[in-house]
C-alpha atoms as a PDB file:
ATOM      1  CA  MET A   1      18.775 -80.888 -54.508  1.00  0.00           C
ATOM      2  CA  ALA A   2      17.053 -82.096 -57.634  1.00  0.00           C
ATOM      3  CA  GLN A   3      13.260 -82.250 -57.672  1.00  0.00           C
ATOM      4  CA  GLU A   4      13.199 -86.046 -57.382  1.00  0.00           C
ATOM      5  CA  VAL A   5      15.382 -85.830 -54.294  1.00  0.00           C
ATOM      6  CA  ASN A   6      12.989 -83.326 -52.736  1.00  0.00           C
ATOM      7  CA  HIS A   7      10.232 -85.875 -53.157  1.00  0.00           C
ATOM      8  CA  TYR A   8      12.481 -88.556 -51.676  1.00  0.00           C
ATOM      9  CA  ILE A   9      13.474 -86.529 -48.620  1.00  0.00           C
ATOM     10  CA  ALA A  10      10.995 -85.451 -45.988  1.00  0.00           C
ATOM     11  CA  THR A  11      10.547 -81.773 -45.213  1.00  0.00           C
ATOM     12  CA  GLY A  12      11.082 -79.827 -41.997  1.00  0.00           C
ATOM     13  CA  LYS A  13      12.848 -81.424 -39.050  1.00  0.00           C
ATOM     14  CA  ASP A  14      12.574 -84.903 -40.608  1.00  0.00           C
ATOM     15  CA  ARG A  15      15.036 -84.025 -43.370  1.00  0.00           C
ATOM     16  CA  SER A  16      18.135 -84.563 -41.228  1.00  0.00           C
ATOM     17  CA  LYS A  17      16.752 -87.892 -40.020  1.00  0.00           C
ATOM     18  CA  THR A  18      15.971 -89.049 -43.561  1.00  0.00           C
ATOM     19  CA  ILE A  19      19.437 -88.317 -44.957  1.00  0.00           C
ATOM     20  CA  SER A  20      21.462 -89.415 -41.915  1.00  0.00           C
ATOM     21  CA  GLY A  21      24.013 -92.142 -42.462  1.00  0.00           C
ATOM     22  CA  GLN A  22      27.456 -92.940 -43.792  1.00  0.00           C
ATOM     23  CA  TYR A  23      28.324 -91.802 -47.308  1.00  0.00           C
ATOM     24  CA  GLY A  24      31.403 -93.543 -48.658  1.00  0.00           C
ATOM     25  CA  ASP A  25      33.535 -96.421 -47.438  1.00  0.00           C
ATOM     26  CA  LEU A  26      37.228 -95.791 -46.682  1.00  0.00           C
ATOM     27  CA  SER A  27      36.654 -92.060 -47.058  1.00  0.00           C
ATOM     28  CA  GLY A  28      33.549 -89.906 -47.136  1.00  0.00           C
ATOM     29  CA  ILE A  29      31.177 -88.142 -44.798  1.00  0.00           C
ATOM     30  CA  CYS A  30      28.691 -89.099 -42.100  1.00  0.00           C
ATOM     31  CA  LEU A  31      25.534 -87.051 -41.584  1.00  0.00           C
ATOM     32  CA  PHE A  32      23.816 -87.225 -38.218  1.00  0.00           C
ATOM     33  CA  GLU A  33      20.211 -86.529 -37.270  1.00  0.00           C
ATOM     34  CA  ASP A  34      21.149 -83.623 -34.990  1.00  0.00           C
ATOM     35  CA  GLY A  35      22.644 -81.554 -37.817  1.00  0.00           C
ATOM     36  CA  LYS A  36      26.237 -82.601 -37.148  1.00  0.00           C
ATOM     37  CA  PHE A  37      28.658 -84.290 -39.553  1.00  0.00           C
ATOM     38  CA  MET A  38      31.959 -86.157 -39.584  1.00  0.00           C
ATOM     39  CA  LEU A  39      34.283 -85.909 -42.581  1.00  0.00           C
ATOM     40  CA  TYR A  40      36.705 -88.828 -42.622  1.00  0.00           C
ATOM     41  CA  GLY A  41      39.488 -90.348 -44.705  1.00  0.00           C
ATOM     42  CA  TYR A  42      43.222 -90.953 -44.604  1.00  0.00           C
ATOM     43  CA  ALA A  43      44.594 -89.016 -41.580  1.00  0.00           C
ATOM     44  CA  THR A  44      41.361 -87.004 -41.530  1.00  0.00           C
ATOM     45  CA  MET A  45      38.527 -86.887 -39.010  1.00  0.00           C
ATOM     46  CA  VAL A  46      36.762 -83.546 -38.882  1.00  0.00           C
ATOM     47  CA  PHE A  47      33.505 -82.827 -37.068  1.00  0.00           C
ATOM     48  CA  GLY A  48      31.184 -79.894 -37.548  1.00  0.00           C
ATOM     49  CA  SER A  49      27.615 -78.869 -38.310  1.00  0.00           C
ATOM     50  CA  TYR A  50      25.523 -78.487 -41.452  1.00  0.00           C
ATOM     51  CA  VAL A  51      22.384 -76.608 -42.484  1.00  0.00           C
ATOM     52  CA  PHE A  52      19.965 -76.797 -45.396  1.00  0.00           C
ATOM     53  CA  GLU A  53      20.129 -73.908 -47.830  1.00  0.00           C
ATOM     54  CA  LYS A  54      17.530 -74.272 -50.598  1.00  0.00           C
ATOM     55  CA  ASP A  55      18.767 -77.184 -52.736  1.00  0.00           C
ATOM     56  CA  TYR A  56      22.149 -77.415 -51.029  1.00  0.00           C
ATOM     57  CA  LEU A  57      23.746 -78.337 -47.743  1.00  0.00           C
ATOM     58  CA  LEU A  58      26.267 -75.938 -46.182  1.00  0.00           C
ATOM     59  CA  PHE A  59      28.947 -77.385 -43.915  1.00  0.00           C
ATOM     60  CA  TYR A  60      30.846 -75.582 -41.144  1.00  0.00           C
ATOM     61  CA  PRO A  61      33.756 -77.629 -39.726  1.00  0.00           C
ATOM     62  CA  ASP A  62      34.869 -77.093 -36.125  1.00  0.00           C
ATOM     63  CA  GLN A  63      37.984 -74.930 -36.170  1.00  0.00           C
ATOM     64  CA  LEU A  64      41.287 -75.495 -34.408  1.00  0.00           C
ATOM     65  CA  PRO A  65      43.369 -72.489 -33.318  1.00  0.00           C
ATOM     66  CA  GLN A  66      46.674 -72.145 -35.144  1.00  0.00           C
ATOM     67  CA  PHE A  67      48.629 -72.406 -31.914  1.00  0.00           C
ATOM     68  CA  GLN A  68      47.819 -74.165 -28.664  1.00  0.00           C
ATOM     69  CA  LEU A  69      49.900 -73.932 -25.522  1.00  0.00           C
ATOM     70  CA  TYR A  70      49.592 -76.226 -22.501  1.00  0.00           C
ATOM     71  CA  ALA A  71      51.651 -75.949 -19.325  1.00  0.00           C
ATOM     72  CA  ASN A  72      52.477 -77.642 -16.044  1.00  0.00           C
ATOM     73  CA  HIS A  73      54.621 -76.845 -13.013  1.00  0.00           C
ATOM     74  CA  ASN A  74      57.168 -79.643 -12.922  1.00  0.00           C
ATOM     75  CA  PRO A  75      59.097 -79.567  -9.601  1.00  0.00           C
ATOM     76  CA  THR A  76      61.724 -81.985 -10.929  1.00  0.00           C
ATOM     77  CA  LEU A  77      62.913 -79.329 -13.413  1.00  0.00           C
ATOM     78  CA  GLY A  78      63.889 -76.766 -10.774  1.00  0.00           C
ATOM     79  CA  ASP A  79      64.654 -73.478 -12.539  1.00  0.00           C
ATOM     80  CA  THR A  80      64.843 -75.164 -15.932  1.00  0.00           C
ATOM     81  CA  VAL A  81      62.129 -74.460 -18.494  1.00  0.00           C
ATOM     82  CA  SER A  82      61.156 -77.145 -20.995  1.00  0.00           C
ATOM     83  CA  VAL A  83      59.111 -76.656 -24.192  1.00  0.00           C
ATOM     84  CA  ASN A  84      58.011 -79.579 -26.357  1.00  0.00           C
ATOM     85  CA  PHE A  85      57.214 -78.569 -29.962  1.00  0.00           C
ATOM     86  CA  ARG A  86      54.534 -80.525 -31.812  1.00  0.00           C
ATOM     87  CA  GLY A  87      53.382 -79.925 -35.385  1.00  0.00           C
ATOM     88  CA  PHE A  88      55.741 -77.019 -36.054  1.00  0.00           C
ATOM     89  CA  GLU A  89      57.358 -78.947 -38.889  1.00  0.00           C
ATOM     90  CA  GLU A  90      54.144 -78.471 -40.888  1.00  0.00           C
ATOM     91  CA  GLY A  91      54.552 -74.756 -41.590  1.00  0.00           C
ATOM     92  CA  LYS A  92      56.882 -71.764 -41.683  1.00  0.00           C
ATOM     93  CA  THR A  93      56.882 -71.074 -37.943  1.00  0.00           C
ATOM     94  CA  PHE A  94      59.026 -68.953 -35.616  1.00  0.00           C
ATOM     95  CA  VAL A  95      59.483 -68.675 -31.855  1.00  0.00           C
ATOM     96  CA  GLN A  96      60.830 -66.114 -29.379  1.00  0.00           C
ATOM     97  CA  PHE A  97      61.809 -66.978 -25.804  1.00  0.00           C
ATOM     98  CA  GLY A  98      61.606 -63.949 -23.527  1.00  0.00           C
ATOM     99  CA  ASP A  99      63.734 -61.171 -24.988  1.00  0.00           C
ATOM    100  CA  ASP A 100      65.797 -63.438 -27.237  1.00  0.00           C
ATOM    101  CA  ASN A 101      65.800 -63.006 -30.983  1.00  0.00           C
ATOM    102  CA  VAL A 102      62.988 -64.514 -33.001  1.00  0.00           C
ATOM    103  CA  GLN A 103      64.190 -67.637 -34.815  1.00  0.00           C
ATOM    104  CA  PRO A 104      62.732 -70.257 -37.156  1.00  0.00           C
ATOM    105  CA  VAL A 105      61.646 -73.398 -35.350  1.00  0.00           C
ATOM    106  CA  PHE A 106      62.985 -75.581 -38.196  1.00  0.00           C
ATOM    107  CA  ASN A 107      65.519 -75.082 -40.950  1.00  0.00           C
ATOM    108  CA  ASP A 108      64.492 -74.578 -44.564  1.00  0.00           C
ATOM    109  CA  GLY A 109      63.928 -77.888 -46.311  1.00  0.00           C
ATOM    110  CA  ALA A 110      63.659 -79.778 -43.025  1.00  0.00           C
ATOM    111  CA  ASN A 111      62.899 -83.484 -43.409  1.00  0.00           C
ATOM    112  CA  CYS A 112      63.548 -86.854 -41.720  1.00  0.00           C
ATOM    113  CA  PHE A 113      61.984 -85.772 -38.436  1.00  0.00           C
ATOM    114  CA  ASP A 114      62.903 -87.536 -35.198  1.00  0.00           C
ATOM    115  CA  PHE A 115      60.383 -86.770 -32.462  1.00  0.00           C
ATOM    116  CA  PRO A 116      60.067 -85.380 -29.836  1.00  0.00           C
ATOM    117  CA  TYR A 117      61.551 -81.915 -30.355  1.00  0.00           C
ATOM    118  CA  LEU A 118      62.505 -80.409 -27.028  1.00  0.00           C
ATOM    119  CA  TYR A 119      63.958 -77.043 -25.989  1.00  0.00           C
ATOM    120  CA  GLU A 120      65.329 -76.384 -22.481  1.00  0.00           C
ATOM    121  CA  GLN A 121      66.816 -73.313 -20.855  1.00  0.00           C
ATOM    122  CA  SER A 122      68.369 -72.976 -17.415  1.00  0.00           C
ATOM    123  CA  LEU A 123      66.451 -69.893 -16.180  1.00  0.00           C
ATOM    124  CA  PRO A 124      62.754 -69.043 -15.846  1.00  0.00           C
ATOM    125  CA  MET A 125      61.011 -67.712 -18.937  1.00  0.00           C
ATOM    126  CA  SER A 126      58.798 -64.636 -18.682  1.00  0.00           C
ATOM    127  CA  GLN A 127      57.082 -64.847 -22.042  1.00  0.00           C
ATOM    128  CA  LEU A 128      56.740 -66.746 -25.305  1.00  0.00           C
ATOM    129  CA  LYS A 129      55.944 -65.537 -28.778  1.00  0.00           C
ATOM    130  CA  PHE A 130      54.928 -67.625 -31.789  1.00  0.00           C
ATOM    131  CA  VAL A 131      54.875 -66.413 -35.378  1.00  0.00           C
ATOM    132  CA  VAL A 132      53.568 -68.140 -38.487  1.00  0.00           C
ATOM    133  CA  GLN A 133      53.739 -67.228 -42.136  1.00  0.00           C
ATOM    134  CA  LYS A 134      50.239 -67.195 -43.621  1.00  0.00           C
ATOM    135  CA  GLU A 135      49.647 -69.600 -46.476  1.00  0.00           C
ATOM    136  CA  ASP A 136      46.594 -67.904 -47.996  1.00  0.00           C
ATOM    137  CA  PHE A 137      46.454 -64.830 -50.183  1.00  0.00           C
ATOM    138  CA  ASP A 138      43.877 -62.700 -48.399  1.00  0.00           C
ATOM    139  CA  ALA A 139      44.502 -59.099 -47.469  1.00  0.00           C
ATOM    140  CA  GLY A 140      46.490 -58.222 -44.376  1.00  0.00           C
ATOM    141  CA  PRO A 141      49.903 -59.012 -42.928  1.00  0.00           C
ATOM    142  CA  ALA A 142      51.861 -61.963 -44.291  1.00  0.00           C
ATOM    143  CA  TYR A 143      52.659 -63.112 -40.739  1.00  0.00           C
ATOM    144  CA  GLN A 144      50.550 -63.679 -37.631  1.00  0.00           C
ATOM    145  CA  THR A 145      51.923 -63.424 -34.088  1.00  0.00           C
ATOM    146  CA  PHE A 146      50.673 -64.871 -30.812  1.00  0.00           C
ATOM    147  CA  HIS A 147      51.910 -63.877 -27.329  1.00  0.00           C
ATOM    148  CA  TYR A 148      51.972 -65.657 -23.986  1.00  0.00           C
ATOM    149  CA  GLN A 149      52.796 -64.028 -20.650  1.00  0.00           C
ATOM    150  CA  ASN A 150      54.075 -66.543 -18.104  1.00  0.00           C
ATOM    151  CA  ASP A 151      52.648 -64.836 -15.018  1.00  0.00           C
ATOM    152  CA  GLN A 152      52.294 -68.142 -13.136  1.00  0.00           C
ATOM    153  CA  HIS A 153      55.979 -68.973 -13.626  1.00  0.00           C
ATOM    154  CA  LEU A 154      55.227 -72.370 -15.156  1.00  0.00           C
ATOM    155  CA  ASN A 155      58.173 -74.366 -16.420  1.00  0.00           C
ATOM    156  CA  ASP A 156      56.953 -77.357 -18.471  1.00  0.00           C
ATOM    157  CA  PHE A 157      55.195 -76.593 -21.769  1.00  0.00           C
ATOM    158  CA  ILE A 158      53.697 -78.409 -24.735  1.00  0.00           C
ATOM    159  CA  ALA A 159      53.328 -76.103 -27.742  1.00  0.00           C
ATOM    160  CA  ILE A 160      51.191 -77.276 -30.678  1.00  0.00           C
ATOM    161  CA  TYR A 161      50.941 -75.810 -34.165  1.00  0.00           C
ATOM    162  CA  ASN A 162      47.854 -76.735 -36.184  1.00  0.00           C
ATOM    163  CA  LYS A 163      48.469 -76.189 -39.865  1.00  0.00           C
ATOM    164  CA  PRO A 164      45.317 -74.982 -41.646  1.00  0.00           C
ATOM    165  CA  GLN A 165      43.658 -77.945 -43.349  1.00  0.00           C
ATOM    166  CA  ARG A 166      41.616 -78.063 -46.491  1.00  0.00           C
ATOM    167  CA  ALA A 167      39.223 -80.349 -44.605  1.00  0.00           C
ATOM    168  CA  ARG A 168      38.463 -77.546 -42.109  1.00  0.00           C
ATOM    169  CA  THR A 169      37.358 -74.954 -44.643  1.00  0.00           C
ATOM    170  CA  ASN A 170      33.636 -74.400 -45.118  1.00  0.00           C
ATOM    171  CA  PHE A 171      32.146 -76.363 -47.994  1.00  0.00           C
ATOM    172  CA  ALA A 172      28.853 -77.175 -49.691  1.00  0.00           C
ATOM    173  CA  ALA A 173      27.156 -80.272 -51.064  1.00  0.00           C
ATOM    174  CA  TYR A 174      24.061 -81.508 -52.833  1.00  0.00           C
ATOM    175  CA  LEU A 175      22.216 -84.801 -52.590  1.00  0.00           C
ATOM    176  CA  TYR A 176      21.086 -86.752 -55.621  1.00  0.00           C
ATOM    177  CA  LEU A 177      19.631 -90.105 -56.597  1.00  0.00           C
ATOM    178  CA  THR A 178      21.629 -92.514 -58.742  1.00  0.00           C
ATOM    179  CA  GLU A 179      20.072 -94.296 -61.717  1.00  0.00           C
ATOM    180  CA  ASP A 180      19.096 -97.165 -59.436  1.00  0.00           C
ATOM    181  CA  LYS A 181      17.483 -94.709 -56.990  1.00  0.00           C
ATOM    182  CA  LYS A 182      20.206 -94.809 -54.351  1.00  0.00           C
ATOM    183  CA  LEU A 183      20.981 -91.670 -52.349  1.00  0.00           C
ATOM    184  CA  ALA A 184      24.391 -90.076 -52.869  1.00  0.00           C
ATOM    185  CA  ILE A 185      26.128 -86.833 -51.937  1.00  0.00           C
ATOM    186  CA  SER A 186      28.514 -84.670 -53.926  1.00  0.00           C
ATOM    187  CA  LEU A 187      30.859 -82.449 -51.887  1.00  0.00           C
ATOM    188  CA  SER A 188      32.515 -79.293 -53.142  1.00  0.00           C
ATOM    189  CA  ASN A 189      35.852 -80.256 -51.568  1.00  0.00           C
ATOM    190  CA  TYR A 190      36.248 -84.061 -51.783  1.00  0.00           C
ATOM    191  CA  GLY A 191      35.030 -87.024 -53.779  1.00  0.00           C
ATOM    192  CA  GLY A 192      34.714 -85.542 -57.251  1.00  0.00           C
ATOM    193  CA  ARG A 193      31.473 -85.013 -59.111  1.00  0.00           C
ATOM    194  CA  LYS A 194      30.051 -88.443 -58.302  1.00  0.00           C
ATOM    195  CA  GLY A 195      30.765 -87.977 -54.625  1.00  0.00           C
ATOM    196  CA  PHE A 196      29.854 -90.706 -52.159  1.00  0.00           C
ATOM    197  CA  LEU A 197      27.066 -93.273 -52.150  1.00  0.00           C
ATOM    198  CA  ARG A 198      25.161 -93.731 -48.900  1.00  0.00           C
ATOM    199  CA  GLU A 199      25.789 -97.015 -47.140  1.00  0.00           C
ATOM    200  CA  ASN A 200      22.744 -99.037 -46.133  1.00  0.00           C
ATOM    201  CA  GLN A 201      21.550 -97.763 -42.750  1.00  0.00           C
ATOM    202  CA  VAL A 202      18.266 -99.685 -42.629  1.00  0.00           C
ATOM    203  CA  ASP A 203      19.663-102.574 -40.583  1.00  0.00           C
ATOM    204  CA  PRO A 204      19.951-101.306 -36.954  1.00  0.00           C
ATOM    205  CA  THR A 205      22.549-103.980 -36.124  1.00  0.00           C
ATOM    206  CA  GLN A 206      25.221-102.448 -38.368  1.00  0.00           C
ATOM    207  CA  LYS A 207      28.398-102.545 -36.351  1.00  0.00           C
ATOM    208  CA  ARG A 208      30.175 -99.858 -38.375  1.00  0.00           C
ATOM    209  CA  TRP A 209      27.462 -97.249 -37.842  1.00  0.00           C
ATOM    210  CA  PHE A 210      27.403 -97.828 -34.091  1.00  0.00           C
ATOM    211  CA  GLU A 211      31.190 -97.422 -34.028  1.00  0.00           C
ATOM    212  CA  ILE A 212      30.794 -94.075 -35.805  1.00  0.00           C
ATOM    213  CA  LEU A 213      28.151 -92.964 -33.307  1.00  0.00           C
ATOM    214  CA  ALA A 214      30.520 -93.952 -30.481  1.00  0.00           C
ATOM    215  CA  MET A 215      33.288 -91.782 -31.991  1.00  0.00           C
ATOM    216  CA  LYS A 216      30.860 -88.866 -32.239  1.00  0.00           C
ATOM    217  CA  LYS A 217      29.850 -89.301 -28.599  1.00  0.00           C
ATOM    218  CA  GLU A 218      33.471 -89.450 -27.460  1.00  0.00           C
ATOM    219  CA  TYR A 219      34.231 -86.261 -29.382  1.00  0.00           C
ATOM    220  CA  GLU A 220      31.248 -84.448 -27.899  1.00  0.00           C
ATOM    221  CA  ASN A 221      32.059 -85.648 -24.384  1.00  0.00           C
ATOM    222  CA  ALA A 222      35.402 -83.841 -24.660  1.00  0.00           C
ATOM    223  CA  GLY A 223      33.323 -80.650 -24.567  1.00  0.00           C
ATOM    224  CA  SER A 224      35.451 -78.685 -26.990  1.00  0.00           C
ATOM    225  CA  ILE A 225      37.693 -79.174 -29.985  1.00  0.00           C
ATOM    226  CA  GLU A 226      40.317 -77.291 -27.972  1.00  0.00           C
ATOM    227  CA  LEU A 227      40.788 -79.287 -24.782  1.00  0.00           C
ATOM    228  CA  THR A 228      41.274 -77.422 -21.523  1.00  0.00           C
ATOM    229  CA  ALA A 229      43.825 -80.017 -20.402  1.00  0.00           C
ATOM    230  CA  ILE A 230      45.926 -82.799 -21.868  1.00  0.00           C
ATOM    231  CA  PHE A 231      48.047 -85.507 -20.248  1.00  0.00           C
ATOM    232  CA  SER A 232      51.540 -86.583 -21.164  1.00  0.00           C
ATOM    233  CA  ASN A 233      54.154 -89.034 -19.943  1.00  0.00           C
ATOM    234  CA  ALA A 234      57.876 -88.337 -19.658  1.00  0.00           C
ATOM    235  CA  GLU A 235      58.341 -89.216 -23.351  1.00  0.00           C
ATOM    236  CA  TYR A 236      55.775 -86.552 -24.318  1.00  0.00           C
ATOM    237  CA  ASN A 237      53.230 -89.056 -25.576  1.00  0.00           C
ATOM    238  CA  ILE A 238      49.836 -87.387 -25.147  1.00  0.00           C
ATOM    239  CA  SER A 239      47.011 -89.488 -23.722  1.00  0.00           C
ATOM    240  CA  TYR A 240      43.505 -89.037 -22.329  1.00  0.00           C
ATOM    241  CA  PRO A 241      43.414 -91.372 -19.315  1.00  0.00           C
ATOM    242  CA  ASP A 242      40.635 -92.445 -17.013  1.00  0.00           C
ATOM    243  CA  LEU A 243      41.710 -90.558 -13.899  1.00  0.00           C
ATOM    244  CA  GLU A 244      39.832 -92.997 -11.699  1.00  0.00           C
ATOM    245  CA  GLU A 245      42.674 -95.389 -12.469  1.00  0.00           C
ATOM    246  CA  TYR A 246      45.262 -92.918 -11.091  1.00  0.00           C
ATOM    247  CA  ASN A 247      46.228 -91.287  -7.810  1.00  0.00           C
ATOM    248  CA  PHE A 248      47.398 -87.684  -7.754  1.00  0.00           C
ATOM    249  CA  ASP A 249      50.744 -87.149  -6.011  1.00  0.00           C
ATOM    250  CA  LYS A 250      50.901 -83.557  -4.804  1.00  0.00           C
ATOM    251  CA  ALA A 251      54.628 -83.624  -4.025  1.00  0.00           C
ATOM    252  CA  THR A 252      55.580 -84.397  -7.642  1.00  0.00           C
ATOM    253  CA  ASN A 253      52.485 -82.825  -9.222  1.00  0.00           C
ATOM    254  CA  GLN A 254      51.756 -85.902 -11.303  1.00  0.00           C
ATOM    255  CA  TYR A 255      49.290 -88.758 -11.593  1.00  0.00           C
ATOM    256  CA  ILE A 256      50.494 -92.252 -10.682  1.00  0.00           C
ATOM    257  CA  SER A 257      48.705 -95.347 -11.899  1.00  0.00           C
ATOM    258  CA  LYS A 258      46.961 -97.311  -9.150  1.00  0.00           C
ATOM    259  CA  SER A 259      48.109-100.543 -10.797  1.00  0.00           C
ATOM    260  CA  THR A 260      51.769 -99.565 -10.556  1.00  0.00           C
ATOM    261  CA  LYS A 261      53.731-102.098  -8.548  1.00  0.00           C
ATOM    262  CA  ASP A 262      57.401-102.645  -8.002  1.00  0.00           C
ATOM    263  CA  ASN A 263      58.813-105.078 -10.569  1.00  0.00           C
ATOM    264  CA  ASP A 264      55.452-105.316 -12.320  1.00  0.00           C
ATOM    265  CA  GLN A 265      56.492-106.589 -15.726  1.00  0.00           C
ATOM    266  CA  GLU A 266      53.019-106.578 -17.244  1.00  0.00           C
ATOM    267  CA  SER A 267      52.083-102.916 -16.753  1.00  0.00           C
ATOM    268  CA  ASP A 268      53.157-100.381 -19.355  1.00  0.00           C
ATOM    269  CA  PRO A 269      55.870 -98.169 -17.803  1.00  0.00           C
ATOM    270  CA  HIS A 270      55.022 -95.353 -20.220  1.00  0.00           C
ATOM    271  CA  ASP A 271      51.564 -94.975 -18.684  1.00  0.00           C
ATOM    272  CA  ARG A 272      52.554 -95.222 -15.016  1.00  0.00           C
ATOM    273  CA  TYR A 273      53.299 -91.530 -14.494  1.00  0.00           C
ATOM    274  CA  LEU A 274      51.354 -88.758 -16.219  1.00  0.00           C
ATOM    275  CA  ARG A 275      51.406 -84.990 -15.955  1.00  0.00           C
ATOM    276  CA  GLN A 276      48.421 -82.756 -16.579  1.00  0.00           C
ATOM    277  CA  TYR A 277      49.055 -79.761 -18.819  1.00  0.00           C
ATOM    278  CA  THR A 278      46.416 -77.032 -18.733  1.00  0.00           C
ATOM    279  CA  LYS A 279      45.495 -74.723 -21.571  1.00  0.00           C
ATOM    280  CA  GLN A 280      47.240 -71.338 -21.536  1.00  0.00           C
ATOM    281  CA  PRO A 281      45.984 -68.095 -23.127  1.00  0.00           C
ATOM    282  CA  LEU A 282      47.658 -67.050 -26.368  1.00  0.00           C
ATOM    283  CA  VAL A 283      46.909 -63.489 -27.464  1.00  0.00           C
ATOM    284  CA  PRO A 284      47.054 -62.632 -31.186  1.00  0.00           C
ATOM    285  CA  LYS A 285      48.673 -59.263 -31.818  1.00  0.00           C
ATOM    286  CA  PRO A 286      49.078 -57.206 -35.000  1.00  0.00           C
ATOM    287  CA  ASP A 287      52.855 -56.945 -34.605  1.00  0.00           C
ATOM    288  CA  LYS A 288      54.998 -55.887 -37.505  1.00  0.00           C
ATOM    289  CA  PHE A 289      57.258 -58.819 -38.265  1.00  0.00           C
ATOM    290  CA  ASP A 290      60.679 -57.834 -39.583  1.00  0.00           C
ATOM    291  CA  THR A 291      62.107 -60.855 -41.360  1.00  0.00           C
ATOM    292  CA  LYS A 292      65.521 -59.157 -41.442  1.00  0.00           C
ATOM    293  CA  ALA A 293      65.697 -59.313 -37.639  1.00  0.00           C
ATOM    294  CA  VAL A 294      65.124 -63.083 -37.524  1.00  0.00           C
ATOM    295  CA  ALA A 295      68.061 -65.175 -36.372  1.00  0.00           C
ATOM    296  CA  ALA A 296      69.779 -67.040 -39.187  1.00  0.00           C
ATOM    297  CA  VAL A 297      70.051 -70.280 -37.210  1.00  0.00           C
ATOM    298  CA  SER A 298      66.904 -72.305 -36.609  1.00  0.00           C
ATOM    299  CA  LEU A 299      65.987 -73.744 -33.230  1.00  0.00           C
ATOM    300  CA  PHE A 300      66.099 -77.315 -34.545  1.00  0.00           C
ATOM    301  CA  PHE A 301      67.891 -78.777 -37.536  1.00  0.00           C
ATOM    302  CA  THR A 302      66.980 -81.921 -39.401  1.00  0.00           C
ATOM    303  CA  SER A 303      68.031 -83.124 -42.840  1.00  0.00           C
ATOM    304  CA  CYS A 304      68.067 -86.547 -44.449  1.00  0.00           C
ATOM    305  CA  SER A 305      71.293 -85.612 -46.231  1.00  0.00           C
ATOM    306  CA  GLN A 306      72.960 -84.357 -43.024  1.00  0.00           C
ATOM    307  CA  PRO A 307      72.003 -86.857 -40.304  1.00  0.00           C
ATOM    308  CA  ASP A 308      75.150 -86.182 -38.267  1.00  0.00           C
ATOM    309  CA  GLU A 309      74.298 -82.493 -38.023  1.00  0.00           C
ATOM    310  CA  SER A 310      70.613 -83.008 -37.179  1.00  0.00           C
ATOM    311  CA  TYR A 311      69.376 -82.530 -33.614  1.00  0.00           C
ATOM    312  CA  ASN A 312      66.002 -82.584 -31.847  1.00  0.00           C
ATOM    313  CA  HIS A 313      66.994 -81.549 -28.303  1.00  0.00           C
ATOM    314  CA  ILE A 314      68.649 -78.291 -27.350  1.00  0.00           C
ATOM    315  CA  LYS A 315      69.794 -77.092 -23.893  1.00  0.00           C
ATOM    316  CA  ARG A 316      70.727 -73.486 -23.329  1.00  0.00           C
ATOM    317  CA  ARG A 317      72.439 -72.067 -20.301  1.00  0.00           C
ATOM    318  CA  LYS A 318      71.469 -68.454 -19.732  1.00  0.00           C
ATOM    319  CA  ASP A 319      74.068 -66.771 -17.562  1.00  0.00           C
END
């Protein structure tokens, strides 16, 4: 930070309190007194922590794992196994069911996506394997693999791929005063050289700031960026319900809304029945990935130019 900024900002523990606030309007960054931050913008909301380093601030975003797997035992499926794929369209990803061949999740040039994407097979599945092609240029293998052993014989899965985001890479920033002595911040990743001007945080009745603090509290109450459980309805719409509003039905292993009534036209049918999917362990392994052994046909196919040949639901009978 420039010398004039050092005079403007208090030293020691008061520094974070002095600079806290919202920088930017529709996009920017929020700095909190406890050393946390929220980077926000179009389709972006990333939390993390920051530290002072001489005249700079160093930011460390919370990291998402590349793959997340959640599972449930769904008695209505019988011996059928169901896997819902979310986010796999965002990268060059592959999947292997049991001892089957590894295959691309989507075709090359996939577009015009029609969600959800669902795979079903008629027999239990002992293991899953996910592979992703790395998009960076660091040393090491070009592909990363992740394994799951289905020891609990679960049959209803939600698989999530989190494409690495620019917003989740570590970055730096410096604070400066504008010509009219207003505090601003320049980030190394967003906002250009001028960066973002701090919004006025003097008035404690500012509605926007309290909304931001509420979002921060909700995020922290979740306990982890990688949730231990998620909830989904039959259409695979993920939600985070207030379980006090639901009863658990052991026979069907699902949550049923307490407000559900026969012929109730006002209640949302999509929220009446929810299943809880718990986080499953995925183990990264340094496997050698032979691209020549990959199946030529992708799991799903979607193309704007070939709508009649596109499909988002596949059922396999394994005799």
